[in-house]
Amino acid sequence: MPSPAVDDYLKTIYHHTEWQPAPITPSQLASTLGLAPSTVTEMVRKLAAQDLVAHRPYGPVALTEAGRLRAASIIRRHRLIETWLVREFGYAWDEVHDEAEVLEHTISDRLLAGIAERLGDPRFDPHGDAIPDAAGDVHREPFVLLADATLGHTGRILRVSDRDPALLRALEERGVDVGHALTVSGRDTVQVDGGGSVVLPPGAASAIWVTA
C-alpha cells in the first residue's frame, strides 16, 4: 500500500522512539496524527496485515523490520531535503519541515541520490536528527534530554525538536543551536559556549538533547 498516509503512520511510530525508549500506544498515535482512534485502529490493523507493524489488542504499536526500513527510507528523504533547503537555498531551520513534507513524496530516487552526493552524505539534518544511511542505519552519540540533565552538566547540543517553529526562532535568537556546548546553570538557564547566562524560553528544556 504505497501511500503518503501509510508513510505518515510509519514515520510517527519511528519518531516516537528515536529519542526515548517507551513504545507508542494507539491513543498516542491518534493524538499525534490528529485522527480519530477508530481510524487509527483500522489503519494499524491494515499495517499489521502487511507485516509493517506488530500490535496486539490494547497494546503498543511497534515497527517490524520491514516497517522500520520503510520508515527509515522516507525519513532519509525528508531529512536530506531539509538539509538541502538550508544549505543550498538559504532556508532557516524553522522553515524547512513543511516544505520537506511535500517534497519527500515527489522527488525521484535519482534526484535524492544526487542531493545526498552534493551534500557529502550528511549524517544529521539541521535540527540534529540522524539521517538514516541508504541501508536504513543511523549513528547517534549517548544523549540526555536537557530537562533531565543535572545542574552543572556540560554537553554539546545534539538535537532540537522541530515541532515548534516559534521555539526554534527563539532559541536561535539566544544562540542555542545544534553543535554548541552548553552548561546547565539553573532551572531554566544555561551557559552557551562558556558565555553568559541564557534564559531558555518556555518548553525549551523538553525540546533539546545534549551529549550525556
N, C-alpha and C. Protein backbone atom coordinates (compact mmCIF):
# COMPACT_ATOMS: atom_id res chain seq x y z
N MET A 1 0.84 -1.20 0.00
CA MET A 1 0.00 0.00 0.00
C MET A 1 0.88 1.25 0.00
N PRO A 2 1.56 1.54 -1.13
CA PRO A 2 2.41 2.73 -1.18
C PRO A 2 1.55 3.99 -1.17
N SER A 3 1.62 4.75 -0.09
CA SER A 3 0.82 5.98 0.00
C SER A 3 1.41 6.88 1.06
N PRO A 4 1.22 8.21 0.91
CA PRO A 4 1.69 9.14 1.95
C PRO A 4 1.07 8.84 3.31
N ALA A 5 -0.17 8.38 3.34
CA ALA A 5 -0.82 8.10 4.63
C ALA A 5 -0.09 7.00 5.39
N VAL A 6 0.26 5.92 4.68
CA VAL A 6 1.00 4.83 5.31
C VAL A 6 2.34 5.34 5.81
N ASP A 7 3.03 6.11 4.97
CA ASP A 7 4.33 6.64 5.37
C ASP A 7 4.22 7.52 6.60
N ASP A 8 3.17 8.31 6.71
CA ASP A 8 2.99 9.18 7.88
C ASP A 8 2.83 8.36 9.15
N TYR A 9 2.09 7.26 9.08
CA TYR A 9 1.96 6.38 10.24
C TYR A 9 3.32 5.81 10.64
N LEU A 10 4.03 5.28 9.66
CA LEU A 10 5.31 4.64 9.96
C LEU A 10 6.32 5.65 10.50
N LYS A 11 6.33 6.85 9.91
CA LYS A 11 7.24 7.90 10.40
C LYS A 11 6.93 8.28 11.85
N THR A 12 5.65 8.40 12.16
CA THR A 12 5.26 8.79 13.51
C THR A 12 5.68 7.75 14.54
N ILE A 13 5.50 6.49 14.21
CA ILE A 13 5.93 5.41 15.11
C ILE A 13 7.45 5.44 15.27
N TYR A 14 8.16 5.62 14.18
CA TYR A 14 9.63 5.69 14.20
C TYR A 14 10.10 6.86 15.05
N HIS A 15 9.53 8.04 14.82
CA HIS A 15 9.94 9.24 15.56
C HIS A 15 9.75 9.07 17.06
N HIS A 16 8.69 8.39 17.45
CA HIS A 16 8.34 8.31 18.87
C HIS A 16 9.44 7.68 19.70
N THR A 17 10.15 6.72 19.16
CA THR A 17 11.17 6.02 19.94
C THR A 17 12.59 6.40 19.55
N GLU A 18 12.74 7.45 18.75
CA GLU A 18 14.10 7.87 18.37
C GLU A 18 14.90 8.39 19.56
N TRP A 19 14.24 9.17 20.43
CA TRP A 19 14.96 9.86 21.50
C TRP A 19 14.45 9.48 22.88
N GLN A 20 13.64 8.45 22.97
CA GLN A 20 13.20 7.89 24.25
C GLN A 20 12.70 6.47 23.99
N PRO A 21 12.74 5.59 25.01
CA PRO A 21 12.52 4.17 24.75
C PRO A 21 11.07 3.68 24.80
N ALA A 22 10.14 4.45 25.35
CA ALA A 22 8.78 3.95 25.54
C ALA A 22 8.07 3.78 24.20
N PRO A 23 7.45 2.64 23.94
CA PRO A 23 6.73 2.44 22.67
C PRO A 23 5.49 3.31 22.60
N ILE A 24 4.99 3.51 21.40
CA ILE A 24 3.82 4.36 21.20
C ILE A 24 2.54 3.53 21.31
N THR A 25 1.53 4.10 21.92
CA THR A 25 0.23 3.44 22.04
C THR A 25 -0.69 3.94 20.92
N PRO A 26 -1.74 3.18 20.62
CA PRO A 26 -2.68 3.66 19.59
C PRO A 26 -3.27 5.03 19.92
N SER A 27 -3.54 5.30 21.20
CA SER A 27 -4.11 6.61 21.55
C SER A 27 -3.10 7.72 21.32
N GLN A 28 -1.82 7.48 21.62
CA GLN A 28 -0.78 8.48 21.35
C GLN A 28 -0.63 8.69 19.85
N LEU A 29 -0.71 7.61 19.09
CA LEU A 29 -0.61 7.69 17.64
C LEU A 29 -1.75 8.53 17.08
N ALA A 30 -2.96 8.30 17.59
CA ALA A 30 -4.12 9.08 17.14
C ALA A 30 -3.96 10.55 17.48
N SER A 31 -3.47 10.84 18.69
CA SER A 31 -3.29 12.22 19.12
C SER A 31 -2.25 12.93 18.26
N THR A 32 -1.13 12.27 18.01
CA THR A 32 -0.06 12.88 17.23
C THR A 32 -0.50 13.16 15.79
N LEU A 33 -1.24 12.22 15.22
CA LEU A 33 -1.69 12.37 13.83
C LEU A 33 -2.95 13.22 13.70
N GLY A 34 -3.61 13.50 14.85
CA GLY A 34 -4.84 14.28 14.81
C GLY A 34 -5.99 13.54 14.18
N LEU A 35 -6.05 12.23 14.44
CA LEU A 35 -7.09 11.39 13.85
C LEU A 35 -7.93 10.73 14.93
N ALA A 36 -9.10 10.26 14.54
CA ALA A 36 -9.96 9.56 15.48
C ALA A 36 -9.36 8.21 15.83
N PRO A 37 -9.49 7.76 17.09
CA PRO A 37 -8.95 6.45 17.48
C PRO A 37 -9.43 5.32 16.60
N SER A 38 -10.68 5.36 16.17
CA SER A 38 -11.21 4.29 15.32
C SER A 38 -10.50 4.25 13.97
N THR A 39 -10.15 5.42 13.44
CA THR A 39 -9.42 5.48 12.17
C THR A 39 -8.04 4.88 12.32
N VAL A 40 -7.37 5.21 13.43
CA VAL A 40 -6.04 4.68 13.68
C VAL A 40 -6.08 3.17 13.89
N THR A 41 -7.06 2.70 14.63
CA THR A 41 -7.20 1.26 14.87
C THR A 41 -7.32 0.49 13.57
N GLU A 42 -8.12 1.02 12.64
CA GLU A 42 -8.30 0.35 11.36
C GLU A 42 -7.02 0.36 10.54
N MET A 43 -6.30 1.49 10.53
CA MET A 43 -5.05 1.55 9.77
C MET A 43 -3.99 0.65 10.38
N VAL A 44 -3.89 0.62 11.71
CA VAL A 44 -2.92 -0.26 12.36
C VAL A 44 -3.20 -1.71 11.99
N ARG A 45 -4.47 -2.08 11.92
CA ARG A 45 -4.83 -3.43 11.52
C ARG A 45 -4.32 -3.72 10.10
N LYS A 46 -4.49 -2.78 9.20
CA LYS A 46 -4.02 -2.96 7.83
C LYS A 46 -2.50 -3.04 7.76
N LEU A 47 -1.83 -2.19 8.54
CA LEU A 47 -0.36 -2.21 8.55
C LEU A 47 0.17 -3.53 9.11
N ALA A 48 -0.51 -4.05 10.13
CA ALA A 48 -0.10 -5.33 10.71
C ALA A 48 -0.29 -6.46 9.69
N ALA A 49 -1.36 -6.39 8.91
CA ALA A 49 -1.61 -7.41 7.89
C ALA A 49 -0.53 -7.40 6.81
N GLN A 50 0.12 -6.24 6.62
CA GLN A 50 1.21 -6.12 5.64
C GLN A 50 2.57 -6.38 6.28
N ASP A 51 2.57 -6.75 7.56
CA ASP A 51 3.81 -7.00 8.30
C ASP A 51 4.68 -5.75 8.41
N LEU A 52 4.05 -4.58 8.49
CA LEU A 52 4.79 -3.34 8.70
C LEU A 52 4.83 -2.93 10.16
N VAL A 53 3.84 -3.38 10.95
CA VAL A 53 3.85 -3.13 12.38
C VAL A 53 3.44 -4.40 13.12
N ALA A 54 3.82 -4.46 14.39
CA ALA A 54 3.38 -5.52 15.29
C ALA A 54 2.48 -4.89 16.34
N HIS A 55 1.32 -5.50 16.56
CA HIS A 55 0.36 -4.92 17.50
C HIS A 55 -0.58 -5.99 18.01
N ARG A 56 -0.80 -5.98 19.34
CA ARG A 56 -1.80 -6.83 19.95
C ARG A 56 -2.88 -5.92 20.55
N PRO A 57 -4.12 -6.39 20.63
CA PRO A 57 -5.20 -5.55 21.16
C PRO A 57 -4.83 -4.94 22.51
N TYR A 58 -5.06 -3.63 22.63
CA TYR A 58 -4.81 -2.85 23.85
C TYR A 58 -3.31 -2.68 24.16
N GLY A 59 -2.46 -3.12 23.25
CA GLY A 59 -1.03 -2.97 23.48
C GLY A 59 -0.43 -1.88 22.61
N PRO A 60 0.88 -1.60 22.78
CA PRO A 60 1.55 -0.59 21.96
C PRO A 60 1.74 -1.07 20.53
N VAL A 61 2.16 -0.14 19.68
CA VAL A 61 2.41 -0.43 18.27
C VAL A 61 3.91 -0.32 18.04
N ALA A 62 4.48 -1.31 17.38
CA ALA A 62 5.92 -1.30 17.10
C ALA A 62 6.16 -1.63 15.63
N LEU A 63 7.20 -1.07 15.08
CA LEU A 63 7.56 -1.37 13.69
C LEU A 63 8.20 -2.74 13.60
N THR A 64 7.84 -3.49 12.58
CA THR A 64 8.59 -4.69 12.24
C THR A 64 9.86 -4.25 11.50
N GLU A 65 10.72 -5.19 11.17
CA GLU A 65 11.93 -4.82 10.43
C GLU A 65 11.57 -4.21 9.08
N ALA A 66 10.55 -4.78 8.42
CA ALA A 66 10.12 -4.21 7.13
C ALA A 66 9.57 -2.80 7.33
N GLY A 67 8.82 -2.60 8.40
CA GLY A 67 8.28 -1.27 8.68
C GLY A 67 9.36 -0.27 9.03
N ARG A 68 10.37 -0.74 9.79
CA ARG A 68 11.47 0.16 10.16
C ARG A 68 12.24 0.60 8.93
N LEU A 69 12.49 -0.31 8.02
CA LEU A 69 13.24 0.04 6.81
C LEU A 69 12.47 1.02 5.93
N ARG A 70 11.16 0.80 5.83
CA ARG A 70 10.36 1.73 5.03
C ARG A 70 10.31 3.10 5.69
N ALA A 71 10.13 3.12 7.02
CA ALA A 71 10.13 4.40 7.73
C ALA A 71 11.46 5.10 7.59
N ALA A 72 12.56 4.37 7.74
CA ALA A 72 13.90 4.96 7.62
C ALA A 72 14.12 5.55 6.24
N SER A 73 13.57 4.89 5.23
CA SER A 73 13.74 5.37 3.85
C SER A 73 13.06 6.71 3.65
N ILE A 74 11.81 6.86 4.12
CA ILE A 74 11.11 8.13 3.93
C ILE A 74 11.69 9.21 4.83
N ILE A 75 12.15 8.83 6.02
CA ILE A 75 12.79 9.81 6.91
C ILE A 75 14.11 10.28 6.31
N ARG A 76 14.83 9.38 5.67
CA ARG A 76 16.06 9.78 4.99
C ARG A 76 15.75 10.84 3.93
N ARG A 77 14.70 10.62 3.15
CA ARG A 77 14.30 11.59 2.14
C ARG A 77 13.97 12.94 2.77
N HIS A 78 13.17 12.89 3.83
CA HIS A 78 12.74 14.13 4.49
C HIS A 78 13.93 14.93 5.02
N ARG A 79 14.83 14.26 5.71
CA ARG A 79 15.93 14.97 6.37
C ARG A 79 17.00 15.42 5.39
N LEU A 80 17.20 14.66 4.32
CA LEU A 80 18.12 15.14 3.28
C LEU A 80 17.55 16.39 2.61
N ILE A 81 16.25 16.40 2.36
CA ILE A 81 15.63 17.58 1.75
C ILE A 81 15.75 18.78 2.67
N GLU A 82 15.50 18.60 3.97
CA GLU A 82 15.64 19.71 4.92
C GLU A 82 17.06 20.27 4.87
N THR A 83 18.04 19.38 4.88
CA THR A 83 19.44 19.81 4.86
C THR A 83 19.76 20.53 3.56
N TRP A 84 19.26 20.03 2.46
CA TRP A 84 19.44 20.64 1.14
C TRP A 84 18.86 22.04 1.10
N LEU A 85 17.64 22.20 1.63
CA LEU A 85 16.99 23.52 1.62
C LEU A 85 17.77 24.55 2.44
N VAL A 86 18.33 24.11 3.57
CA VAL A 86 19.11 25.03 4.41
C VAL A 86 20.43 25.39 3.75
N ARG A 87 21.13 24.39 3.25
CA ARG A 87 22.48 24.64 2.71
C ARG A 87 22.46 25.31 1.34
N GLU A 88 21.54 24.90 0.48
CA GLU A 88 21.57 25.34 -0.90
C GLU A 88 20.63 26.52 -1.20
N PHE A 89 19.58 26.68 -0.39
CA PHE A 89 18.58 27.69 -0.72
C PHE A 89 18.39 28.72 0.39
N GLY A 90 19.17 28.63 1.45
CA GLY A 90 19.14 29.65 2.48
C GLY A 90 17.92 29.62 3.38
N TYR A 91 17.21 28.49 3.43
CA TYR A 91 16.08 28.39 4.35
C TYR A 91 16.59 28.40 5.79
N ALA A 92 15.79 28.94 6.69
CA ALA A 92 16.09 28.86 8.12
C ALA A 92 15.61 27.50 8.64
N TRP A 93 16.16 27.10 9.80
CA TRP A 93 15.82 25.76 10.29
C TRP A 93 14.37 25.65 10.74
N ASP A 94 13.69 26.76 10.96
CA ASP A 94 12.27 26.71 11.33
C ASP A 94 11.34 26.72 10.12
N GLU A 95 11.91 26.76 8.90
CA GLU A 95 11.09 26.89 7.69
C GLU A 95 11.04 25.62 6.84
N VAL A 96 11.86 24.64 7.17
CA VAL A 96 12.06 23.54 6.21
C VAL A 96 11.11 22.36 6.37
N HIS A 97 10.53 22.18 7.55
CA HIS A 97 9.75 20.96 7.79
C HIS A 97 8.59 20.81 6.83
N ASP A 98 7.77 21.85 6.70
CA ASP A 98 6.58 21.75 5.85
C ASP A 98 6.95 21.56 4.38
N GLU A 99 8.02 22.22 3.95
CA GLU A 99 8.47 22.04 2.56
C GLU A 99 8.90 20.59 2.33
N ALA A 100 9.65 20.04 3.27
CA ALA A 100 10.12 18.66 3.13
C ALA A 100 8.97 17.67 3.16
N GLU A 101 7.93 17.97 3.93
CA GLU A 101 6.76 17.09 3.98
C GLU A 101 6.15 16.91 2.60
N VAL A 102 6.15 17.97 1.81
CA VAL A 102 5.61 17.91 0.44
C VAL A 102 6.58 17.22 -0.50
N LEU A 103 7.83 17.65 -0.47
CA LEU A 103 8.81 17.17 -1.44
C LEU A 103 9.20 15.72 -1.25
N GLU A 104 9.13 15.21 -0.02
CA GLU A 104 9.57 13.83 0.23
C GLU A 104 8.76 12.81 -0.56
N HIS A 105 7.55 13.17 -0.94
CA HIS A 105 6.69 12.24 -1.68
C HIS A 105 6.77 12.43 -3.19
N THR A 106 7.54 13.44 -3.65
CA THR A 106 7.50 13.77 -5.07
C THR A 106 8.84 13.62 -5.78
N ILE A 107 9.96 13.79 -5.10
CA ILE A 107 11.24 13.72 -5.80
C ILE A 107 11.61 12.27 -6.12
N SER A 108 12.34 12.09 -7.20
CA SER A 108 12.74 10.76 -7.63
C SER A 108 13.92 10.24 -6.81
N ASP A 109 14.14 8.94 -6.86
CA ASP A 109 15.30 8.35 -6.19
C ASP A 109 16.59 8.90 -6.79
N ARG A 110 16.59 9.14 -8.10
CA ARG A 110 17.79 9.68 -8.75
C ARG A 110 18.13 11.05 -8.22
N LEU A 111 17.11 11.92 -8.08
CA LEU A 111 17.37 13.25 -7.55
C LEU A 111 17.82 13.17 -6.10
N LEU A 112 17.20 12.29 -5.32
CA LEU A 112 17.60 12.14 -3.92
C LEU A 112 19.06 11.71 -3.81
N ALA A 113 19.48 10.77 -4.66
CA ALA A 113 20.88 10.33 -4.65
C ALA A 113 21.81 11.49 -5.01
N GLY A 114 21.37 12.32 -5.97
CA GLY A 114 22.19 13.48 -6.33
C GLY A 114 22.29 14.49 -5.20
N ILE A 115 21.19 14.69 -4.47
CA ILE A 115 21.20 15.60 -3.33
C ILE A 115 22.16 15.09 -2.26
N ALA A 116 22.07 13.79 -1.96
CA ALA A 116 22.95 13.20 -0.94
C ALA A 116 24.42 13.36 -1.32
N GLU A 117 24.72 13.11 -2.60
CA GLU A 117 26.11 13.23 -3.06
C GLU A 117 26.58 14.67 -2.99
N ARG A 118 25.75 15.61 -3.42
CA ARG A 118 26.14 17.01 -3.40
C ARG A 118 26.40 17.50 -1.99
N LEU A 119 25.61 17.00 -1.03
CA LEU A 119 25.76 17.43 0.36
C LEU A 119 26.86 16.68 1.10
N GLY A 120 27.46 15.67 0.44
CA GLY A 120 28.51 14.90 1.10
C GLY A 120 27.97 13.85 2.05
N ASP A 121 26.79 13.32 1.73
CA ASP A 121 26.15 12.29 2.57
C ASP A 121 26.14 12.68 4.05
N PRO A 122 25.46 13.74 4.40
CA PRO A 122 25.44 14.21 5.79
C PRO A 122 24.80 13.17 6.72
N ARG A 123 25.24 13.14 7.97
CA ARG A 123 24.70 12.19 8.95
C ARG A 123 23.57 12.80 9.76
N PHE A 124 23.46 14.15 9.76
CA PHE A 124 22.45 14.80 10.59
C PHE A 124 21.80 15.94 9.81
N ASP A 125 20.53 16.19 10.11
CA ASP A 125 19.83 17.30 9.47
C ASP A 125 20.04 18.58 10.28
N PRO A 126 19.47 19.73 9.87
CA PRO A 126 19.73 20.99 10.58
C PRO A 126 19.27 21.00 12.04
N HIS A 127 18.37 20.10 12.41
CA HIS A 127 17.88 20.05 13.79
C HIS A 127 18.65 19.04 14.64
N GLY A 128 19.62 18.34 14.01
CA GLY A 128 20.40 17.34 14.73
C GLY A 128 19.83 15.95 14.67
N ASP A 129 18.72 15.76 13.96
CA ASP A 129 18.16 14.42 13.82
C ASP A 129 19.04 13.61 12.87
N ALA A 130 19.27 12.34 13.22
CA ALA A 130 20.13 11.49 12.41
C ALA A 130 19.46 11.16 11.08
N ILE A 131 20.22 11.24 10.01
CA ILE A 131 19.75 10.88 8.68
C ILE A 131 20.10 9.41 8.46
N PRO A 132 19.12 8.52 8.33
CA PRO A 132 19.46 7.12 8.06
C PRO A 132 20.28 7.00 6.78
N ASP A 133 21.24 6.07 6.78
CA ASP A 133 22.00 5.86 5.56
C ASP A 133 21.16 5.03 4.58
N ALA A 134 21.73 4.72 3.43
CA ALA A 134 20.98 4.02 2.39
C ALA A 134 20.50 2.65 2.85
N ALA A 135 21.15 2.08 3.87
CA ALA A 135 20.74 0.78 4.40
C ALA A 135 19.74 0.91 5.54
N GLY A 136 19.39 2.15 5.91
CA GLY A 136 18.42 2.37 6.97
C GLY A 136 19.01 2.46 8.35
N ASP A 137 20.35 2.49 8.45
CA ASP A 137 21.02 2.54 9.75
C ASP A 137 21.30 3.98 10.15
N VAL A 138 21.33 4.23 11.47
CA VAL A 138 21.67 5.55 12.00
C VAL A 138 22.73 5.41 13.07
N HIS A 139 23.43 6.50 13.32
CA HIS A 139 24.51 6.51 14.32
C HIS A 139 24.32 7.72 15.21
N ARG A 140 24.15 7.48 16.52
CA ARG A 140 23.95 8.57 17.48
C ARG A 140 24.92 8.41 18.65
N GLU A 141 25.25 9.55 19.26
CA GLU A 141 26.03 9.54 20.49
C GLU A 141 25.09 9.35 21.68
N PRO A 142 25.62 8.87 22.82
CA PRO A 142 24.79 8.83 24.03
C PRO A 142 24.27 10.22 24.36
N PHE A 143 23.00 10.32 24.77
CA PHE A 143 22.36 11.62 24.93
C PHE A 143 21.52 11.68 26.19
N VAL A 144 21.16 12.89 26.57
CA VAL A 144 20.25 13.12 27.69
C VAL A 144 19.36 14.30 27.32
N LEU A 145 18.09 14.21 27.66
CA LEU A 145 17.18 15.34 27.47
C LEU A 145 17.59 16.44 28.44
N LEU A 146 17.62 17.67 27.97
CA LEU A 146 18.08 18.77 28.81
C LEU A 146 17.26 18.87 30.09
N ALA A 147 15.95 18.59 30.01
CA ALA A 147 15.10 18.65 31.21
C ALA A 147 15.53 17.64 32.27
N ASP A 148 16.24 16.58 31.86
CA ASP A 148 16.68 15.55 32.79
C ASP A 148 18.13 15.72 33.21
N ALA A 149 18.83 16.68 32.62
CA ALA A 149 20.24 16.89 32.94
C ALA A 149 20.39 17.53 34.32
N THR A 150 21.44 17.16 35.03
CA THR A 150 21.66 17.69 36.37
C THR A 150 22.33 19.06 36.31
N LEU A 151 22.20 19.80 37.39
CA LEU A 151 22.84 21.11 37.50
C LEU A 151 24.35 20.95 37.31
N GLY A 152 24.94 21.76 36.46
CA GLY A 152 26.36 21.68 36.19
C GLY A 152 26.72 20.78 35.02
N HIS A 153 25.74 20.05 34.49
CA HIS A 153 26.02 19.17 33.36
C HIS A 153 26.46 19.99 32.15
N THR A 154 27.52 19.56 31.51
CA THR A 154 28.01 20.20 30.29
C THR A 154 27.93 19.21 29.15
N GLY A 155 27.37 19.64 28.04
CA GLY A 155 27.28 18.77 26.87
C GLY A 155 27.11 19.57 25.61
N ARG A 156 27.30 18.91 24.51
CA ARG A 156 27.11 19.53 23.20
C ARG A 156 25.67 19.30 22.75
N ILE A 157 25.04 20.31 22.19
CA ILE A 157 23.66 20.17 21.74
C ILE A 157 23.63 19.23 20.53
N LEU A 158 22.93 18.11 20.69
CA LEU A 158 22.83 17.13 19.62
C LEU A 158 21.60 17.34 18.75
N ARG A 159 20.49 17.73 19.41
CA ARG A 159 19.25 17.80 18.66
C ARG A 159 18.29 18.79 19.31
N VAL A 160 17.56 19.52 18.46
CA VAL A 160 16.48 20.39 18.92
C VAL A 160 15.23 19.98 18.15
N SER A 161 14.15 19.68 18.85
CA SER A 161 12.92 19.26 18.20
C SER A 161 12.43 20.35 17.24
N ASP A 162 11.96 19.92 16.06
CA ASP A 162 11.46 20.87 15.07
C ASP A 162 9.94 21.02 15.14
N ARG A 163 9.33 20.53 16.22
CA ARG A 163 7.87 20.54 16.31
C ARG A 163 7.30 21.96 16.40
N ASP A 164 8.04 22.90 17.01
CA ASP A 164 7.52 24.24 17.25
C ASP A 164 8.43 25.27 16.57
N PRO A 165 8.07 25.78 15.39
CA PRO A 165 8.92 26.77 14.70
C PRO A 165 9.20 28.01 15.54
N ALA A 166 8.22 28.47 16.33
CA ALA A 166 8.43 29.66 17.15
C ALA A 166 9.52 29.41 18.19
N LEU A 167 9.55 28.21 18.76
CA LEU A 167 10.60 27.88 19.72
C LEU A 167 11.96 27.84 19.04
N LEU A 168 12.03 27.31 17.83
CA LEU A 168 13.29 27.29 17.10
C LEU A 168 13.81 28.71 16.88
N ARG A 169 12.92 29.62 16.52
CA ARG A 169 13.34 31.01 16.31
C ARG A 169 13.82 31.64 17.61
N ALA A 170 13.13 31.37 18.71
CA ALA A 170 13.51 31.93 20.00
C ALA A 170 14.87 31.40 20.44
N LEU A 171 15.13 30.13 20.20
CA LEU A 171 16.42 29.55 20.58
C LEU A 171 17.55 30.12 19.72
N GLU A 172 17.28 30.28 18.44
CA GLU A 172 18.31 30.84 17.55
C GLU A 172 18.67 32.26 17.98
N GLU A 173 17.69 33.04 18.39
CA GLU A 173 17.95 34.41 18.86
C GLU A 173 18.85 34.41 20.09
N ARG A 174 18.79 33.35 20.87
CA ARG A 174 19.60 33.24 22.09
C ARG A 174 20.93 32.52 21.86
N GLY A 175 21.21 32.12 20.61
CA GLY A 175 22.45 31.44 20.30
C GLY A 175 22.47 29.99 20.70
N VAL A 176 21.29 29.40 20.91
CA VAL A 176 21.19 27.99 21.29
C VAL A 176 20.90 27.20 20.03
N ASP A 177 21.88 26.44 19.56
CA ASP A 177 21.76 25.77 18.28
C ASP A 177 22.54 24.46 18.33
N VAL A 178 22.24 23.57 17.39
CA VAL A 178 22.94 22.28 17.31
C VAL A 178 24.43 22.51 17.14
N GLY A 179 25.21 21.77 17.92
CA GLY A 179 26.66 21.86 17.84
C GLY A 179 27.29 22.72 18.91
N HIS A 180 26.53 23.63 19.50
CA HIS A 180 27.06 24.48 20.56
C HIS A 180 27.15 23.71 21.88
N ALA A 181 28.10 24.07 22.70
CA ALA A 181 28.24 23.47 24.03
C ALA A 181 27.47 24.31 25.03
N LEU A 182 26.79 23.64 25.94
CA LEU A 182 26.09 24.38 26.99
C LEU A 182 26.31 23.72 28.34
N THR A 183 26.16 24.52 29.39
CA THR A 183 26.25 24.05 30.76
C THR A 183 24.98 24.45 31.48
N VAL A 184 24.37 23.50 32.19
CA VAL A 184 23.15 23.78 32.94
C VAL A 184 23.52 24.59 34.17
N SER A 185 23.06 25.84 34.23
CA SER A 185 23.42 26.71 35.34
C SER A 185 22.25 27.01 36.27
N GLY A 186 21.05 26.61 35.88
CA GLY A 186 19.87 26.84 36.71
C GLY A 186 18.70 26.08 36.16
N ARG A 187 17.54 26.26 36.79
CA ARG A 187 16.36 25.50 36.36
C ARG A 187 16.01 25.78 34.91
N ASP A 188 16.06 27.03 34.49
CA ASP A 188 15.73 27.40 33.11
C ASP A 188 16.83 28.23 32.47
N THR A 189 18.04 28.10 32.97
CA THR A 189 19.15 28.89 32.44
C THR A 189 20.33 27.99 32.09
N VAL A 190 21.05 28.39 31.06
CA VAL A 190 22.25 27.66 30.63
C VAL A 190 23.31 28.67 30.23
N GLN A 191 24.53 28.20 30.20
CA GLN A 191 25.64 28.96 29.61
C GLN A 191 25.97 28.31 28.29
N VAL A 192 26.05 29.10 27.23
CA VAL A 192 26.30 28.58 25.89
C VAL A 192 27.72 28.93 25.47
N ASP A 193 28.48 27.91 25.10
CA ASP A 193 29.87 28.09 24.66
C ASP A 193 30.69 28.88 25.68
N GLY A 194 30.42 28.64 26.96
CA GLY A 194 31.20 29.28 28.01
C GLY A 194 30.88 30.74 28.23
N GLY A 195 29.84 31.26 27.59
CA GLY A 195 29.50 32.67 27.73
C GLY A 195 28.61 32.94 28.92
N GLY A 196 27.87 34.03 28.85
CA GLY A 196 27.00 34.42 29.94
C GLY A 196 25.76 33.54 30.04
N SER A 197 24.98 33.80 31.06
CA SER A 197 23.79 33.01 31.31
C SER A 197 22.69 33.34 30.30
N VAL A 198 22.03 32.30 29.81
CA VAL A 198 20.95 32.44 28.83
C VAL A 198 19.68 31.87 29.45
N VAL A 199 18.62 32.67 29.46
CA VAL A 199 17.33 32.20 29.96
C VAL A 199 16.60 31.51 28.80
N LEU A 200 16.24 30.25 29.01
CA LEU A 200 15.58 29.49 27.96
C LEU A 200 14.11 29.85 27.86
N PRO A 201 13.55 29.85 26.66
CA PRO A 201 12.11 30.10 26.52
C PRO A 201 11.31 28.91 27.07
N PRO A 202 10.05 29.11 27.40
CA PRO A 202 9.23 28.02 27.93
C PRO A 202 9.21 26.81 27.00
N GLY A 203 9.37 25.64 27.58
CA GLY A 203 9.33 24.40 26.81
C GLY A 203 10.64 23.99 26.19
N ALA A 204 11.66 24.83 26.27
CA ALA A 204 12.93 24.52 25.59
C ALA A 204 13.63 23.30 26.18
N ALA A 205 13.61 23.18 27.50
CA ALA A 205 14.34 22.08 28.14
C ALA A 205 13.80 20.71 27.73
N SER A 206 12.54 20.67 27.30
CA SER A 206 11.95 19.40 26.85
C SER A 206 12.07 19.22 25.35
N ALA A 207 12.80 20.11 24.69
CA ALA A 207 12.95 20.03 23.24
C ALA A 207 14.41 20.00 22.81
N ILE A 208 15.34 19.92 23.78
CA ILE A 208 16.77 19.93 23.49
C ILE A 208 17.42 18.68 24.07
N TRP A 209 18.24 18.02 23.27
CA TRP A 209 19.00 16.86 23.72
C TRP A 209 20.49 17.21 23.62
N VAL A 210 21.26 16.81 24.64
CA VAL A 210 22.69 17.11 24.67
C VAL A 210 23.45 15.82 24.91
N THR A 211 24.76 15.87 24.66
CA THR A 211 25.57 14.68 24.93
C THR A 211 25.54 14.35 26.41
N ALA A 212 25.52 13.05 26.69
CA ALA A 212 25.41 12.59 28.08
C ALA A 212 26.72 12.80 28.82
